[in-house]
């Protein structure tokens, strides 16, 4: 029975917990790099996506895709383009 418990524990650790931990580390790193990039581009230590309108632009893009009945990947694409348009409008 001890061997079976060890297999269950290994399955939980390596198939459930470890991938989530690694994904959290990667996502956290990506968010930190994105924040540092925003601060570097705009030369403002207080800049954030909600101040620049990126969040609102992404929401509008996603809402348009949802209203038009597009799939999941199209919604993500529309959100990205909406956020990008918001940044470009802010920079100009």
PDB file of N, CA and C in Angstrom:
ATOM      1  N   UNK A   1       0.815  -1.182   0.000  1.00  0.00           N
ATOM      2  CA  UNK A   1       0.000   0.000   0.000  1.00  0.00           C
ATOM      3  C   UNK A   1       0.866   1.255   0.000  1.00  0.00           C
ATOM      4  N   UNK A   2       2.026   1.210   0.644  1.00  0.00           N
ATOM      5  CA  UNK A   2       2.916   2.359   0.674  1.00  0.00           C
ATOM      6  C   UNK A   2       3.410   2.726  -0.718  1.00  0.00           C
ATOM      7  N   UNK A   3       3.636   1.726  -1.576  1.00  0.00           N
ATOM      8  CA  UNK A   3       4.094   1.983  -2.940  1.00  0.00           C
ATOM      9  C   UNK A   3       3.009   2.675  -3.750  1.00  0.00           C
ATOM     10  N   UNK A   4       1.750   2.292  -3.559  1.00  0.00           N
ATOM     11  CA  UNK A   4       0.627   2.901  -4.258  1.00  0.00           C
ATOM     12  C   UNK A   4       0.474   4.366  -3.854  1.00  0.00           C
ATOM     13  N   UNK A   5       0.631   4.651  -2.561  1.00  0.00           N
ATOM     14  CA  UNK A   5       0.537   6.028  -2.076  1.00  0.00           C
ATOM     15  C   UNK A   5       1.643   6.873  -2.682  1.00  0.00           C
ATOM     16  N   UNK A   6       2.823   6.309  -2.815  1.00  0.00           N
ATOM     17  CA  UNK A   6       3.939   7.032  -3.411  1.00  0.00           C
ATOM     18  C   UNK A   6       3.646   7.378  -4.869  1.00  0.00           C
ATOM     19  N   UNK A   7       3.027   6.457  -5.601  1.00  0.00           N
ATOM     20  CA  UNK A   7       2.665   6.726  -6.989  1.00  0.00           C
ATOM     21  C   UNK A   7       1.622   7.835  -7.084  1.00  0.00           C
ATOM     22  N   UNK A   8       0.666   7.816  -6.181  1.00  0.00           N
ATOM     23  CA  UNK A   8      -0.365   8.854  -6.160  1.00  0.00           C
ATOM     24  C   UNK A   8       0.263  10.202  -5.838  1.00  0.00           C
ATOM     25  N   UNK A   9       1.152  10.222  -4.869  1.00  0.00           N
ATOM     26  CA  UNK A   9       1.817  11.471  -4.508  1.00  0.00           C
ATOM     27  C   UNK A   9       2.663  11.998  -5.661  1.00  0.00           C
ATOM     28  N   UNK A  10       3.393  11.123  -6.320  1.00  0.00           N
ATOM     29  CA  UNK A  10       4.190  11.543  -7.478  1.00  0.00           C
ATOM     30  C   UNK A  10       3.301  12.083  -8.584  1.00  0.00           C
ATOM     31  N   UNK A  11       2.171  11.440  -8.817  1.00  0.00           N
ATOM     32  CA  UNK A  11       1.240  11.900  -9.841  1.00  0.00           C
ATOM     33  C   UNK A  11       0.715  13.292  -9.505  1.00  0.00           C
ATOM     34  N   UNK A  12       0.344  13.502  -8.252  1.00  0.00           N
ATOM     35  CA  UNK A  12      -0.181  14.806  -7.841  1.00  0.00           C
ATOM     36  C   UNK A  12       0.887  15.880  -7.974  1.00  0.00           C
ATOM     37  N   UNK A  13       2.085  15.577  -7.512  1.00  0.00           N
ATOM     38  CA  UNK A  13       3.145  16.590  -7.528  1.00  0.00           C
ATOM     39  C   UNK A  13       3.589  16.905  -8.949  1.00  0.00           C
ATOM     40  N   UNK A  14       3.899  15.878  -9.740  1.00  0.00           N
ATOM     41  CA  UNK A  14       4.502  16.119 -11.050  1.00  0.00           C
ATOM     42  C   UNK A  14       3.492  16.407 -12.153  1.00  0.00           C
ATOM     43  N   UNK A  15       2.262  15.950 -12.012  1.00  0.00           N
ATOM     44  CA  UNK A  15       1.275  16.174 -13.071  1.00  0.00           C
ATOM     45  C   UNK A  15       0.288  17.289 -12.763  1.00  0.00           C
ATOM     46  N   UNK A  16       0.135  17.649 -11.505  1.00  0.00           N
ATOM     47  CA  UNK A  16      -0.814  18.706 -11.152  1.00  0.00           C
ATOM     48  C   UNK A  16      -0.117  19.953 -10.618  1.00  0.00           C
ATOM     49  N   UNK A  17       0.665  19.778  -9.582  1.00  0.00           N
ATOM     50  CA  UNK A  17       1.222  20.942  -8.886  1.00  0.00           C
ATOM     51  C   UNK A  17       2.377  21.590  -9.642  1.00  0.00           C
ATOM     52  N   UNK A  18       3.332  20.801 -10.091  1.00  0.00           N
ATOM     53  CA  UNK A  18       4.523  21.358 -10.735  1.00  0.00           C
ATOM     54  C   UNK A  18       4.201  22.159 -11.994  1.00  0.00           C
ATOM     55  N   UNK A  19       3.340  21.674 -12.894  1.00  0.00           N
ATOM     56  CA  UNK A  19       3.012  22.503 -14.064  1.00  0.00           C
ATOM     57  C   UNK A  19       2.354  23.830 -13.687  1.00  0.00           C
ATOM     58  N   UNK A  20       1.532  23.826 -12.662  1.00  0.00           N
ATOM     59  CA  UNK A  20       0.884  25.074 -12.229  1.00  0.00           C
ATOM     60  C   UNK A  20       1.891  26.031 -11.612  1.00  0.00           C
ATOM     61  N   UNK A  21       2.825  25.506 -10.852  1.00  0.00           N
ATOM     62  CA  UNK A  21       3.861  26.351 -10.257  1.00  0.00           C
ATOM     63  C   UNK A  21       4.716  26.976 -11.349  1.00  0.00           C
ATOM     64  N   UNK A  22       5.123  26.172 -12.327  1.00  0.00           N
ATOM     65  CA  UNK A  22       5.942  26.699 -13.424  1.00  0.00           C
ATOM     66  C   UNK A  22       5.174  27.719 -14.256  1.00  0.00           C
ATOM     67  N   UNK A  23       3.896  27.471 -14.494  1.00  0.00           N
ATOM     68  CA  UNK A  23       3.081  28.433 -15.242  1.00  0.00           C
ATOM     69  C   UNK A  23       2.949  29.738 -14.467  1.00  0.00           C
ATOM     70  N   UNK A  24       2.778  29.664 -13.154  1.00  0.00           N
ATOM     71  CA  UNK A  24       2.675  30.879 -12.339  1.00  0.00           C
ATOM     72  C   UNK A  24       3.971  31.670 -12.373  1.00  0.00           C
ATOM     73  N   UNK A  25       5.102  30.987 -12.342  1.00  0.00           N
ATOM     74  CA  UNK A  25       6.395  31.673 -12.422  1.00  0.00           C
ATOM     75  C   UNK A  25       6.552  32.358 -13.773  1.00  0.00           C
ATOM     76  N   UNK A  26       6.202  31.672 -14.850  1.00  0.00           N
ATOM     77  CA  UNK A  26       6.328  32.262 -16.186  1.00  0.00           C
ATOM     78  C   UNK A  26       5.391  33.445 -16.376  1.00  0.00           C
ATOM     79  N   UNK A  27       4.154  33.323 -15.927  1.00  0.00           N
ATOM     80  CA  UNK A  27       3.195  34.420 -16.075  1.00  0.00           C
ATOM     81  C   UNK A  27       3.624  35.616 -15.233  1.00  0.00           C
ATOM     82  N   UNK A  28       4.072  35.379 -14.020  1.00  0.00           N
ATOM     83  CA  UNK A  28       4.550  36.468 -13.173  1.00  0.00           C
ATOM     84  C   UNK A  28       5.744  37.176 -13.781  1.00  0.00           C
ATOM     85  N   UNK A  29       6.659  36.407 -14.354  1.00  0.00           N
ATOM     86  CA  UNK A  29       7.820  37.009 -15.014  1.00  0.00           C
ATOM     87  C   UNK A  29       7.400  37.836 -16.217  1.00  0.00           C
ATOM     88  N   UNK A  30       6.470  37.323 -16.995  1.00  0.00           N
ATOM     89  CA  UNK A  30       6.000  38.057 -18.173  1.00  0.00           C
ATOM     90  C   UNK A  30       5.312  39.357 -17.775  1.00  0.00           C
ATOM     91  N   UNK A  31       4.523  39.333 -16.709  1.00  0.00           N
ATOM     92  CA  UNK A  31       3.871  40.557 -16.241  1.00  0.00           C
ATOM     93  C   UNK A  31       4.892  41.569 -15.739  1.00  0.00           C
ATOM     94  N   UNK A  32       5.924  41.110 -15.058  1.00  0.00           N
ATOM     95  CA  UNK A  32       6.968  42.013 -14.577  1.00  0.00           C
ATOM     96  C   UNK A  32       7.715  42.654 -15.738  1.00  0.00           C
ATOM     97  N   UNK A  33       8.031  41.862 -16.755  1.00  0.00           N
ATOM     98  CA  UNK A  33       8.718  42.403 -17.932  1.00  0.00           C
ATOM     99  C   UNK A  33       7.826  43.391 -18.665  1.00  0.00           C
ATOM    100  N   UNK A  34       6.542  43.084 -18.776  1.00  0.00           N
ATOM    101  CA  UNK A  34       5.616  44.003 -19.446  1.00  0.00           C
ATOM    102  C   UNK A  34       5.519  45.322 -18.693  1.00  0.00           C
ATOM    103  N   UNK A  35       5.447  45.268 -17.374  1.00  0.00           N
ATOM    104  CA  UNK A  35       5.389  46.492 -16.579  1.00  0.00           C
ATOM    105  C   UNK A  35       6.656  47.310 -16.699  1.00  0.00           C
ATOM    106  N   UNK A  36       7.796  46.654 -16.651  1.00  0.00           N
ATOM    107  CA  UNK A  36       9.064  47.369 -16.795  1.00  0.00           C
ATOM    108  C   UNK A  36       9.202  47.970 -18.189  1.00  0.00           C
ATOM    109  N   UNK A  37       8.703  47.272 -19.191  1.00  0.00           N
ATOM    110  CA  UNK A  37       8.746  47.796 -20.557  1.00  0.00           C
ATOM    111  C   UNK A  37       7.874  49.032 -20.688  1.00  0.00           C
ATOM    112  N   UNK A  38       6.674  48.985 -20.130  1.00  0.00           N
ATOM    113  CA  UNK A  38       5.794  50.165 -20.156  1.00  0.00           C
ATOM    114  C   UNK A  38       6.476  51.351 -19.495  1.00  0.00           C
ATOM    115  N   UNK A  39       7.073  51.126 -18.329  1.00  0.00           N
ATOM    116  CA  UNK A  39       7.720  52.215 -17.614  1.00  0.00           C
ATOM    117  C   UNK A  39       8.915  52.752 -18.390  1.00  0.00           C
ATOM    118  N   UNK A  40       9.630  51.882 -19.079  1.00  0.00           N
ATOM    119  CA  UNK A  40      10.774  52.324 -19.869  1.00  0.00           C
ATOM    120  C   UNK A  40      10.365  53.084 -21.117  1.00  0.00           C
ATOM    121  N   UNK A  41       9.339  52.610 -21.801  1.00  0.00           N
ATOM    122  CA  UNK A  41       8.897  53.267 -23.039  1.00  0.00           C
ATOM    123  C   UNK A  41       8.351  54.657 -22.750  1.00  0.00           C
ATOM    124  N   UNK A  42       7.538  54.774 -21.726  1.00  0.00           N
ATOM    125  CA  UNK A  42       6.890  56.051 -21.435  1.00  0.00           C
ATOM    126  C   UNK A  42       7.690  56.911 -20.467  1.00  0.00           C
ATOM    127  N   UNK A  43       8.815  56.391 -19.968  1.00  0.00           N
ATOM    128  CA  UNK A  43       9.688  57.108 -19.038  1.00  0.00           C
ATOM    129  C   UNK A  43       8.900  57.684 -17.860  1.00  0.00           C
ATOM    130  N   UNK A  44       8.025  56.862 -17.324  1.00  0.00           N
ATOM    131  CA  UNK A  44       7.174  57.268 -16.215  1.00  0.00           C
ATOM    132  C   UNK A  44       7.075  56.084 -15.251  1.00  0.00           C
ATOM    133  N   UNK A  45       7.584  56.225 -14.025  1.00  0.00           N
ATOM    134  CA  UNK A  45       7.544  55.091 -13.096  1.00  0.00           C
ATOM    135  C   UNK A  45       6.144  54.747 -12.586  1.00  0.00           C
ATOM    136  N   UNK A  46       5.162  55.606 -12.836  1.00  0.00           N
ATOM    137  CA  UNK A  46       3.805  55.355 -12.350  1.00  0.00           C
ATOM    138  C   UNK A  46       2.864  54.839 -13.427  1.00  0.00           C
ATOM    139  N   UNK A  47       3.373  54.601 -14.622  1.00  0.00           N
ATOM    140  CA  UNK A  47       2.506  54.188 -15.721  1.00  0.00           C
ATOM    141  C   UNK A  47       2.001  52.760 -15.483  1.00  0.00           C
ATOM    142  N   UNK A  48       0.771  52.516 -15.881  1.00  0.00           N
ATOM    143  CA  UNK A  48       0.184  51.181 -15.779  1.00  0.00           C
ATOM    144  C   UNK A  48      -0.815  51.010 -16.921  1.00  0.00           C
ATOM    145  N   UNK A  49      -1.176  49.772 -17.254  1.00  0.00           N
ATOM    146  CA  UNK A  49      -2.085  49.548 -18.386  1.00  0.00           C
ATOM    147  C   UNK A  49      -3.433  50.237 -18.242  1.00  0.00           C
ATOM    148  N   UNK A  50      -3.941  50.348 -17.010  1.00  0.00           N
ATOM    149  CA  UNK A  50      -5.242  50.999 -16.870  1.00  0.00           C
ATOM    150  C   UNK A  50      -5.137  52.513 -17.045  1.00  0.00           C
ATOM    151  N   UNK A  51      -3.991  53.099 -16.725  1.00  0.00           N
ATOM    152  CA  UNK A  51      -3.808  54.536 -16.956  1.00  0.00           C
ATOM    153  C   UNK A  51      -3.695  54.860 -18.440  1.00  0.00           C
ATOM    154  N   UNK A  52      -3.115  53.954 -19.201  1.00  0.00           N
ATOM    155  CA  UNK A  52      -2.918  54.191 -20.632  1.00  0.00           C
ATOM    156  C   UNK A  52      -4.138  53.842 -21.464  1.00  0.00           C
ATOM    157  N   UNK A  53      -5.103  53.177 -20.889  1.00  0.00           N
ATOM    158  CA  UNK A  53      -6.283  52.783 -21.635  1.00  0.00           C
ATOM    159  C   UNK A  53      -6.176  51.415 -22.282  1.00  0.00           C
ATOM    160  N   UNK A  54      -5.096  50.704 -22.009  1.00  0.00           N
ATOM    161  CA  UNK A  54      -4.914  49.380 -22.610  1.00  0.00           C
ATOM    162  C   UNK A  54      -6.011  48.434 -22.145  1.00  0.00           C
ATOM    163  N   UNK A  55      -6.316  48.465 -20.866  1.00  0.00           N
ATOM    164  CA  UNK A  55      -7.347  47.571 -20.326  1.00  0.00           C
ATOM    165  C   UNK A  55      -8.699  47.857 -20.963  1.00  0.00           C
ATOM    166  N   UNK A  56      -9.032  49.133 -21.081  1.00  0.00           N
ATOM    167  CA  UNK A  56     -10.321  49.501 -21.683  1.00  0.00           C
ATOM    168  C   UNK A  56     -10.360  49.142 -23.162  1.00  0.00           C
ATOM    169  N   UNK A  57      -9.267  49.390 -23.869  1.00  0.00           N
ATOM    170  CA  UNK A  57      -9.218  49.039 -25.291  1.00  0.00           C
ATOM    171  C   UNK A  57      -9.343  47.545 -25.512  1.00  0.00           C
ATOM    172  N   UNK A  58      -8.683  46.764 -24.654  1.00  0.00           N
ATOM    173  CA  UNK A  58      -8.781  45.309 -24.760  1.00  0.00           C
ATOM    174  C   UNK A  58     -10.197  44.832 -24.455  1.00  0.00           C
ATOM    175  N   UNK A  59     -10.838  45.461 -23.483  1.00  0.00           N
ATOM    176  CA  UNK A  59     -12.229  45.095 -23.154  1.00  0.00           C
ATOM    177  C   UNK A  59     -13.167  45.398 -24.313  1.00  0.00           C
ATOM    178  N   UNK A  60     -12.967  46.535 -24.944  1.00  0.00           N
ATOM    179  CA  UNK A  60     -13.817  46.889 -26.085  1.00  0.00           C
ATOM    180  C   UNK A  60     -13.589  45.914 -27.236  1.00  0.00           C
ATOM    181  N   UNK A  61     -12.329  45.585 -27.509  1.00  0.00           N
ATOM    182  CA  UNK A  61     -12.035  44.628 -28.574  1.00  0.00           C
ATOM    183  C   UNK A  61     -12.651  43.267 -28.313  1.00  0.00           C
ATOM    184  N   UNK A  62     -12.536  42.792 -27.072  1.00  0.00           N
ATOM    185  CA  UNK A  62     -13.121  41.496 -26.720  1.00  0.00           C
ATOM    186  C   UNK A  62     -14.641  41.544 -26.803  1.00  0.00           C
ATOM    187  N   UNK A  63     -15.230  42.647 -26.358  1.00  0.00           N
ATOM    188  CA  UNK A  63     -16.693  42.770 -26.411  1.00  0.00           C
ATOM    189  C   UNK A  63     -17.197  42.762 -27.847  1.00  0.00           C
ATOM    190  N   UNK A  64     -16.475  43.428 -28.740  1.00  0.00           N
ATOM    191  CA  UNK A  64     -16.868  43.432 -30.156  1.00  0.00           C
ATOM    192  C   UNK A  64     -16.813  42.019 -30.721  1.00  0.00           C
ATOM    193  N   UNK A  65     -15.743  41.293 -30.402  1.00  0.00           N
ATOM    194  CA  UNK A  65     -15.618  39.921 -30.901  1.00  0.00           C
ATOM    195  C   UNK A  65     -16.723  39.028 -30.354  1.00  0.00           C
ATOM    196  N   UNK A  66     -17.077  39.210 -29.094  1.00  0.00           N
ATOM    197  CA  UNK A  66     -18.150  38.405 -28.499  1.00  0.00           C
ATOM    198  C   UNK A  66     -19.482  38.730 -29.150  1.00  0.00           C
ATOM    199  N   UNK A  67     -19.746  40.016 -29.356  1.00  0.00           N
ATOM    200  CA  UNK A  67     -21.013  40.415 -29.981  1.00  0.00           C
ATOM    201  C   UNK A  67     -21.128  39.917 -31.419  1.00  0.00           C
ATOM    202  N   UNK A  68     -19.985  39.825 -32.104  1.00  0.00           N
ATOM    203  CA  UNK A  68     -20.002  39.324 -33.476  1.00  0.00           C
ATOM    204  C   UNK A  68     -20.023  37.798 -33.539  1.00  0.00           C
ATOM    205  N   UNK A  69     -19.898  37.136 -32.396  1.00  0.00           N
ATOM    206  CA  UNK A  69     -20.020  35.685 -32.342  1.00  0.00           C
ATOM    207  C   UNK A  69     -18.767  34.922 -32.735  1.00  0.00           C
ATOM    208  N   UNK A  70     -17.597  35.530 -32.574  1.00  0.00           N
ATOM    209  CA  UNK A  70     -16.351  34.845 -32.916  1.00  0.00           C
ATOM    210  C   UNK A  70     -15.963  33.854 -31.827  1.00  0.00           C
ATOM    211  N   UNK A  71     -15.010  32.985 -32.153  1.00  0.00           N
ATOM    212  CA  UNK A  71     -14.542  31.972 -31.217  1.00  0.00           C
ATOM    213  C   UNK A  71     -13.531  32.522 -30.232  1.00  0.00           C
ATOM    214  N   UNK A  72     -12.997  31.618 -29.413  1.00  0.00           N
ATOM    215  CA  UNK A  72     -12.113  31.992 -28.321  1.00  0.00           C
ATOM    216  C   UNK A  72     -10.837  32.669 -28.807  1.00  0.00           C
ATOM    217  N   UNK A  73     -10.192  32.117 -29.828  1.00  0.00           N
ATOM    218  CA  UNK A  73      -8.941  32.698 -30.303  1.00  0.00           C
ATOM    219  C   UNK A  73      -9.170  34.047 -30.964  1.00  0.00           C
ATOM    220  N   UNK A  74     -10.277  34.211 -31.636  1.00  0.00           N
ATOM    221  CA  UNK A  74     -10.593  35.504 -32.245  1.00  0.00           C
ATOM    222  C   UNK A  74     -10.856  36.553 -31.170  1.00  0.00           C
ATOM    223  N   UNK A  75     -11.480  36.158 -30.080  1.00  0.00           N
ATOM    224  CA  UNK A  75     -11.725  37.095 -28.978  1.00  0.00           C
ATOM    225  C   UNK A  75     -10.395  37.584 -28.410  1.00  0.00           C
ATOM    226  N   UNK A  76      -9.453  36.679 -28.233  1.00  0.00           N
ATOM    227  CA  UNK A  76      -8.134  37.069 -27.737  1.00  0.00           C
ATOM    228  C   UNK A  76      -7.433  37.992 -28.721  1.00  0.00           C
ATOM    229  N   UNK A  77      -7.554  37.692 -29.999  1.00  0.00           N
ATOM    230  CA  UNK A  77      -6.949  38.546 -31.020  1.00  0.00           C
ATOM    231  C   UNK A  77      -7.558  39.935 -31.037  1.00  0.00           C
ATOM    232  N   UNK A  78      -8.877  40.008 -30.958  1.00  0.00           N
ATOM    233  CA  UNK A  78      -9.554  41.305 -30.928  1.00  0.00           C
ATOM    234  C   UNK A  78      -9.148  42.096 -29.681  1.00  0.00           C
ATOM    235  N   UNK A  79      -9.019  41.414 -28.543  1.00  0.00           N
ATOM    236  CA  UNK A  79      -8.605  42.085 -27.312  1.00  0.00           C
ATOM    237  C   UNK A  79      -7.190  42.637 -27.453  1.00  0.00           C
ATOM    238  N   UNK A  80      -6.305  41.857 -28.053  1.00  0.00           N
ATOM    239  CA  UNK A  80      -4.930  42.319 -28.262  1.00  0.00           C
ATOM    240  C   UNK A  80      -4.897  43.533 -29.174  1.00  0.00           C
ATOM    241  N   UNK A  81      -5.620  43.462 -30.266  1.00  0.00           N
ATOM    242  CA  UNK A  81      -5.653  44.584 -31.212  1.00  0.00           C
ATOM    243  C   UNK A  81      -6.284  45.810 -30.561  1.00  0.00           C
ATOM    244  N   UNK A  82      -7.337  45.626 -29.781  1.00  0.00           N
ATOM    245  CA  UNK A  82      -7.962  46.746 -29.082  1.00  0.00           C
ATOM    246  C   UNK A  82      -7.003  47.415 -28.114  1.00  0.00           C
ATOM    247  N   UNK A  83      -6.248  46.632 -27.364  1.00  0.00           N
ATOM    248  CA  UNK A  83      -5.247  47.188 -26.454  1.00  0.00           C
ATOM    249  C   UNK A  83      -4.139  47.899 -27.194  1.00  0.00           C
ATOM    250  N   UNK A  84      -3.712  47.328 -28.319  1.00  0.00           N
ATOM    251  CA  UNK A  84      -2.661  47.947 -29.131  1.00  0.00           C
ATOM    252  C   UNK A  84      -3.127  49.273 -29.710  1.00  0.00           C
ATOM    253  N   UNK A  85      -4.351  49.318 -30.187  1.00  0.00           N
ATOM    254  CA  UNK A  85      -4.905  50.572 -30.722  1.00  0.00           C
ATOM    255  C   UNK A  85      -4.980  51.624 -29.620  1.00  0.00           C
ATOM    256  N   UNK A  86      -5.362  51.220 -28.421  1.00  0.00           N
ATOM    257  CA  UNK A  86      -5.434  52.171 -27.303  1.00  0.00           C
ATOM    258  C   UNK A  86      -4.060  52.748 -26.983  1.00  0.00           C
ATOM    259  N   UNK A  87      -3.024  51.904 -26.989  1.00  0.00           N
ATOM    260  CA  UNK A  87      -1.666  52.402 -26.729  1.00  0.00           C
ATOM    261  C   UNK A  87      -1.219  53.349 -27.830  1.00  0.00           C
ATOM    262  N   UNK A  88      -1.489  52.991 -29.077  1.00  0.00           N
ATOM    263  CA  UNK A  88      -1.086  53.858 -30.188  1.00  0.00           C
ATOM    264  C   UNK A  88      -1.809  55.196 -30.132  1.00  0.00           C
ATOM    265  N   UNK A  89      -3.068  55.181 -29.741  1.00  0.00           N
ATOM    266  CA  UNK A  89      -3.807  56.440 -29.609  1.00  0.00           C
ATOM    267  C   UNK A  89      -3.258  57.272 -28.449  1.00  0.00           C
ATOM    268  N   UNK A  90      -2.831  56.625 -27.390  1.00  0.00           N
ATOM    269  CA  UNK A  90      -2.262  57.340 -26.247  1.00  0.00           C
ATOM    270  C   UNK A  90      -0.911  57.952 -26.608  1.00  0.00           C
ATOM    271  N   UNK A  91      -0.120  57.232 -27.385  1.00  0.00           N
ATOM    272  CA  UNK A  91       1.212  57.720 -27.750  1.00  0.00           C
ATOM    273  C   UNK A  91       1.159  58.864 -28.754  1.00  0.00           C
ATOM    274  N   UNK A  92       0.108  58.933 -29.553  1.00  0.00           N
ATOM    275  CA  UNK A  92       0.065  59.981 -30.582  1.00  0.00           C
ATOM    276  C   UNK A  92      -0.451  61.296 -30.053  1.00  0.00           C
TER     277      UNK A  92
END
